[in-house]
Amino acid sequence: MKRRTPPDSPMLFEDVPLVPDFRLEQKARKAGHWPVAGADEAGRGPLAGPVVAAAVILDPKRIPDGLNDSKQLSAQKREELFEQILATATVSIASSSATRIDATDIRKASLDAMRRAILGLAVPASYVLTDGLDVPLGLDCPGQAVVKGDARSVSIAAASIVAKVTRDRMMARAHIIFPAYGFAAHAGYGTAQHRAGIETHGPCSLHRMTFRPLRRTELVGE
């Protein structure tokens, strides 16, 4: 087989990060779908706490400046944008608890929270853009899964910010009830501080017992 010759003009902008815009929403609108909602979740990876999903319908004339993947923003910027999104957009939030995550699995629990967030919108969506590989089942409208959607669609980016800020606030409140684990500092992720708290005090009702190192079989040494 003949070896392919590498291009003599490599891409000039390979390292430039994606910046979300409104093109996917406009494409759906041209196809006759309006309004368009973006949906995303936060909290798939932590050892404790819920997974939180948000759905957002932006007002095209009042899109907040600086929307981006929530992971690319500082906590302060996320908080600022959170308030702007709630003031200018239609927003719905839903969550799946650690108990539900353990009863199903994190993927199913995340998609179910996303489904409920979308269906909970005060203005029904005609089309949905979701972050990742899946569109939840059971929606009243069609949708499109967008890989790295929070870096490509401002609606998904807005949903990622709402979900992240909401979940962080929930875990900060959880810290008041369960201070031994440091939830306010790490939001339930498996940091050294968190693992030390589990080792000393055992798990609490917010822990996901199907996640390592919390699996019941491992706790009892089976």
Protein backbone atom coordinates (compact mmCIF):
# COMPACT_ATOMS: atom_id res chain seq x y z
CA MET A 1 0.00 0.00 0.00
CA LYS A 2 1.30 3.38 -0.98
CA ARG A 3 2.17 5.50 2.03
CA ARG A 4 0.25 8.74 2.28
CA THR A 5 2.34 11.87 1.97
CA PRO A 6 1.81 14.20 4.91
CA PRO A 7 0.37 17.60 3.97
CA ASP A 8 2.93 20.30 3.29
CA SER A 9 0.64 22.89 4.91
CA PRO A 10 -0.28 21.69 8.40
CA MET A 11 -3.26 23.26 10.08
CA LEU A 12 -2.31 26.65 11.43
CA PHE A 13 -4.82 26.70 14.26
CA GLU A 14 -4.71 23.18 15.73
CA ASP A 15 -3.99 24.46 19.25
CA VAL A 16 -6.62 27.20 19.27
CA PRO A 17 -9.40 26.18 21.68
CA LEU A 18 -12.97 25.94 20.46
CA VAL A 19 -15.20 28.89 21.32
CA PRO A 20 -18.95 28.23 21.52
CA ASP A 21 -21.27 30.14 19.21
CA PHE A 22 -24.92 30.15 18.10
CA ARG A 23 -24.49 28.36 14.76
CA LEU A 24 -26.02 25.02 15.77
CA GLU A 25 -29.04 26.81 17.16
CA GLN A 26 -29.40 28.87 14.00
CA LYS A 27 -29.15 25.74 11.87
CA ALA A 28 -31.97 24.12 13.83
CA ARG A 29 -34.04 27.29 13.53
CA LYS A 30 -33.61 27.37 9.76
CA ALA A 31 -34.87 23.78 9.72
CA GLY A 32 -38.06 24.93 11.43
CA HIS A 33 -37.20 24.17 15.05
CA TRP A 34 -37.64 26.92 17.61
CA PRO A 35 -36.99 27.39 20.46
CA VAL A 36 -33.77 25.42 20.79
CA ALA A 37 -32.53 24.29 24.21
CA GLY A 38 -29.03 23.32 25.25
CA ALA A 39 -28.59 20.66 27.92
CA ASP A 40 -25.62 19.46 29.95
CA GLU A 41 -24.81 17.85 33.29
CA ALA A 42 -22.26 18.20 36.07
CA GLY A 43 -20.99 15.65 38.52
CA ARG A 44 -20.49 12.36 36.72
CA GLY A 45 -17.11 11.69 38.29
CA PRO A 46 -17.39 12.45 42.03
CA LEU A 47 -17.58 9.82 44.76
CA ALA A 48 -20.43 11.65 46.48
CA GLY A 49 -23.41 13.86 45.77
CA PRO A 50 -25.93 14.05 42.95
CA VAL A 51 -25.43 14.47 39.25
CA VAL A 52 -27.11 17.72 38.20
CA ALA A 53 -28.47 18.54 34.75
CA ALA A 54 -29.64 21.84 33.31
CA ALA A 55 -31.53 22.85 30.18
CA VAL A 56 -31.32 26.41 28.87
CA ILE A 57 -33.14 28.29 26.11
CA LEU A 58 -31.20 31.46 25.39
CA ASP A 59 -32.75 34.67 24.14
CA PRO A 60 -30.82 35.36 20.90
CA LYS A 61 -30.96 39.10 21.65
CA ARG A 62 -29.65 38.74 25.22
CA ILE A 63 -26.89 36.12 25.15
CA PRO A 64 -24.46 36.81 28.02
CA ASP A 65 -20.89 37.55 26.98
CA GLY A 66 -18.22 35.01 27.89
CA LEU A 67 -20.25 31.80 27.76
CA ASN A 68 -17.94 28.80 27.57
CA ASP A 69 -17.40 25.28 28.87
CA SER A 70 -17.78 25.68 32.64
CA LYS A 71 -14.46 23.89 33.19
CA GLN A 72 -12.69 26.68 31.32
CA LEU A 73 -14.05 29.39 33.63
CA SER A 74 -13.07 30.51 37.10
CA ALA A 75 -15.53 29.95 39.93
CA GLN A 76 -16.16 33.69 40.12
CA LYS A 77 -16.86 33.93 36.38
CA ARG A 78 -19.22 30.95 36.57
CA GLU A 79 -21.15 32.63 39.37
CA GLU A 80 -21.43 35.87 37.41
CA LEU A 81 -22.62 34.09 34.27
CA PHE A 82 -25.02 31.93 36.30
CA GLU A 83 -26.85 35.04 37.49
CA GLN A 84 -26.91 36.52 33.98
CA ILE A 85 -28.26 33.30 32.46
CA LEU A 86 -31.06 33.06 35.00
CA ALA A 87 -31.95 36.70 34.37
CA THR A 88 -32.11 36.43 30.56
CA ALA A 89 -32.93 32.82 29.63
CA THR A 90 -35.45 30.07 30.25
CA VAL A 91 -33.81 27.59 32.62
CA SER A 92 -34.71 24.24 34.13
CA ILE A 93 -32.64 22.12 36.55
CA ALA A 94 -32.97 18.51 37.68
CA SER A 95 -30.77 16.06 39.59
CA SER A 96 -30.32 12.38 40.29
CA SER A 97 -29.23 11.42 43.79
CA ALA A 98 -26.45 9.07 44.83
CA THR A 99 -29.13 6.51 45.63
CA ARG A 100 -30.49 6.66 42.08
CA ILE A 101 -26.98 6.52 40.64
CA ASP A 102 -26.29 3.34 42.64
CA ALA A 103 -29.66 1.82 41.66
CA THR A 104 -29.02 2.30 37.93
CA ASP A 105 -25.63 3.63 36.83
CA ILE A 106 -24.11 7.06 36.34
CA ARG A 107 -24.91 7.23 32.61
CA LYS A 108 -28.59 6.35 33.07
CA ALA A 109 -28.93 8.63 36.07
CA SER A 110 -27.31 11.52 34.16
CA LEU A 111 -29.55 11.06 31.12
CA ASP A 112 -32.64 10.82 33.31
CA ALA A 113 -31.74 14.08 35.06
CA MET A 114 -31.18 15.69 31.66
CA ARG A 115 -34.52 14.39 30.40
CA ARG A 116 -36.35 15.84 33.40
CA ALA A 117 -34.55 19.16 33.06
CA ILE A 118 -35.56 19.44 29.40
CA LEU A 119 -39.17 18.46 30.07
CA GLY A 120 -39.27 20.92 32.96
CA LEU A 121 -38.67 23.98 30.79
CA ALA A 122 -41.46 26.55 31.19
CA VAL A 123 -41.29 27.09 27.41
CA PRO A 124 -41.25 23.68 25.66
CA ALA A 125 -38.22 23.15 23.44
CA SER A 126 -38.74 22.33 19.78
CA TYR A 127 -35.20 20.96 19.47
CA VAL A 128 -32.48 20.03 21.94
CA LEU A 129 -28.69 20.15 21.73
CA THR A 130 -27.05 17.90 24.32
CA ASP A 131 -23.42 17.62 25.34
CA GLY A 132 -21.74 14.28 24.71
CA LEU A 133 -22.84 11.18 22.84
CA ASP A 134 -26.47 10.73 23.87
CA VAL A 135 -29.84 12.41 23.59
CA PRO A 136 -32.13 11.29 26.45
CA LEU A 137 -35.06 9.09 25.58
CA GLY A 138 -38.59 10.20 26.34
CA LEU A 139 -38.40 13.77 25.04
CA ASP A 140 -41.23 15.57 23.28
CA CYS A 141 -38.93 16.87 20.55
CA PRO A 142 -35.97 15.78 18.42
CA GLY A 143 -32.42 16.49 19.46
CA GLN A 144 -28.75 16.25 18.56
CA ALA A 145 -25.87 15.02 20.69
CA VAL A 146 -22.80 17.21 20.22
CA VAL A 147 -19.33 15.98 21.18
CA LYS A 148 -17.60 18.76 23.12
CA GLY A 149 -20.89 20.58 22.87
CA ASP A 150 -20.12 22.92 25.76
CA ALA A 151 -17.24 24.28 23.66
CA ARG A 152 -19.30 24.53 20.47
CA SER A 153 -22.78 25.73 21.43
CA VAL A 154 -23.50 28.71 23.67
CA SER A 155 -26.76 27.08 24.77
CA ILE A 156 -24.95 23.95 25.94
CA ALA A 157 -22.23 26.11 27.51
CA ALA A 158 -24.91 28.00 29.44
CA ALA A 159 -26.41 24.72 30.62
CA SER A 160 -23.00 23.48 31.73
CA ILE A 161 -22.51 26.63 33.82
CA VAL A 162 -25.94 26.38 35.43
CA ALA A 163 -25.44 22.69 36.24
CA LYS A 164 -21.94 23.23 37.64
CA VAL A 165 -22.81 26.21 39.83
CA THR A 166 -25.97 24.53 41.11
CA ARG A 167 -24.10 21.37 42.02
CA ASP A 168 -21.25 23.25 43.68
CA ARG A 169 -23.76 25.13 45.81
CA MET A 170 -25.49 21.88 46.76
CA MET A 171 -22.19 20.35 47.85
CA ALA A 172 -21.29 23.47 49.84
CA ARG A 173 -24.55 23.02 51.76
CA ALA A 174 -23.80 19.33 52.16
CA HIS A 175 -20.55 20.32 53.86
CA ILE A 176 -22.56 21.98 56.63
CA ILE A 177 -24.29 18.67 57.38
CA PHE A 178 -21.29 16.39 56.74
CA PRO A 179 -18.20 18.52 57.54
CA ALA A 180 -15.88 15.54 57.97
CA TYR A 181 -15.39 15.04 54.22
CA GLY A 182 -14.61 18.58 53.02
CA PHE A 183 -17.35 18.69 50.40
CA ALA A 184 -17.14 22.49 50.12
CA ALA A 185 -13.53 22.20 48.93
CA HIS A 186 -13.81 19.40 46.36
CA ALA A 187 -17.57 18.98 45.65
CA GLY A 188 -17.36 15.23 46.23
CA TYR A 189 -14.47 14.38 43.93
CA GLY A 190 -11.95 11.79 45.09
CA THR A 191 -9.27 14.08 46.50
CA ALA A 192 -6.82 13.01 49.20
CA GLN A 193 -8.80 15.02 51.74
CA HIS A 194 -12.03 13.31 50.75
CA ARG A 195 -10.55 9.81 50.79
CA ALA A 196 -9.02 10.47 54.21
CA GLY A 197 -12.44 11.49 55.50
CA ILE A 198 -13.96 8.27 54.19
CA GLU A 199 -11.16 6.22 55.72
CA THR A 200 -11.66 7.86 59.12
CA HIS A 201 -15.43 8.23 59.27
CA GLY A 202 -16.77 5.78 56.72
CA PRO A 203 -19.21 6.79 53.97
CA CYS A 204 -22.29 8.94 54.52
CA SER A 205 -25.68 8.93 52.81
CA LEU A 206 -24.37 11.11 49.96
CA HIS A 207 -21.69 8.65 48.87
CA ARG A 208 -22.04 6.59 45.72
CA MET A 209 -21.54 3.07 46.99
CA THR A 210 -21.05 1.60 43.52
CA PHE A 211 -18.01 3.82 42.88
CA ARG A 212 -14.50 2.76 43.78
CA PRO A 213 -13.22 2.73 46.51
CA LEU A 214 -16.72 2.62 48.02
CA ARG A 215 -18.04 -0.54 46.47
CA ARG A 216 -19.69 -2.62 49.16
CA THR A 217 -17.69 -5.73 48.30
CA GLU A 218 -14.46 -3.80 48.78
CA LEU A 219 -15.65 -2.29 52.06
CA VAL A 220 -16.35 -5.69 53.56
CA GLY A 221 -13.22 -7.21 52.05
CA GLU A 222 -14.91 -9.71 49.79
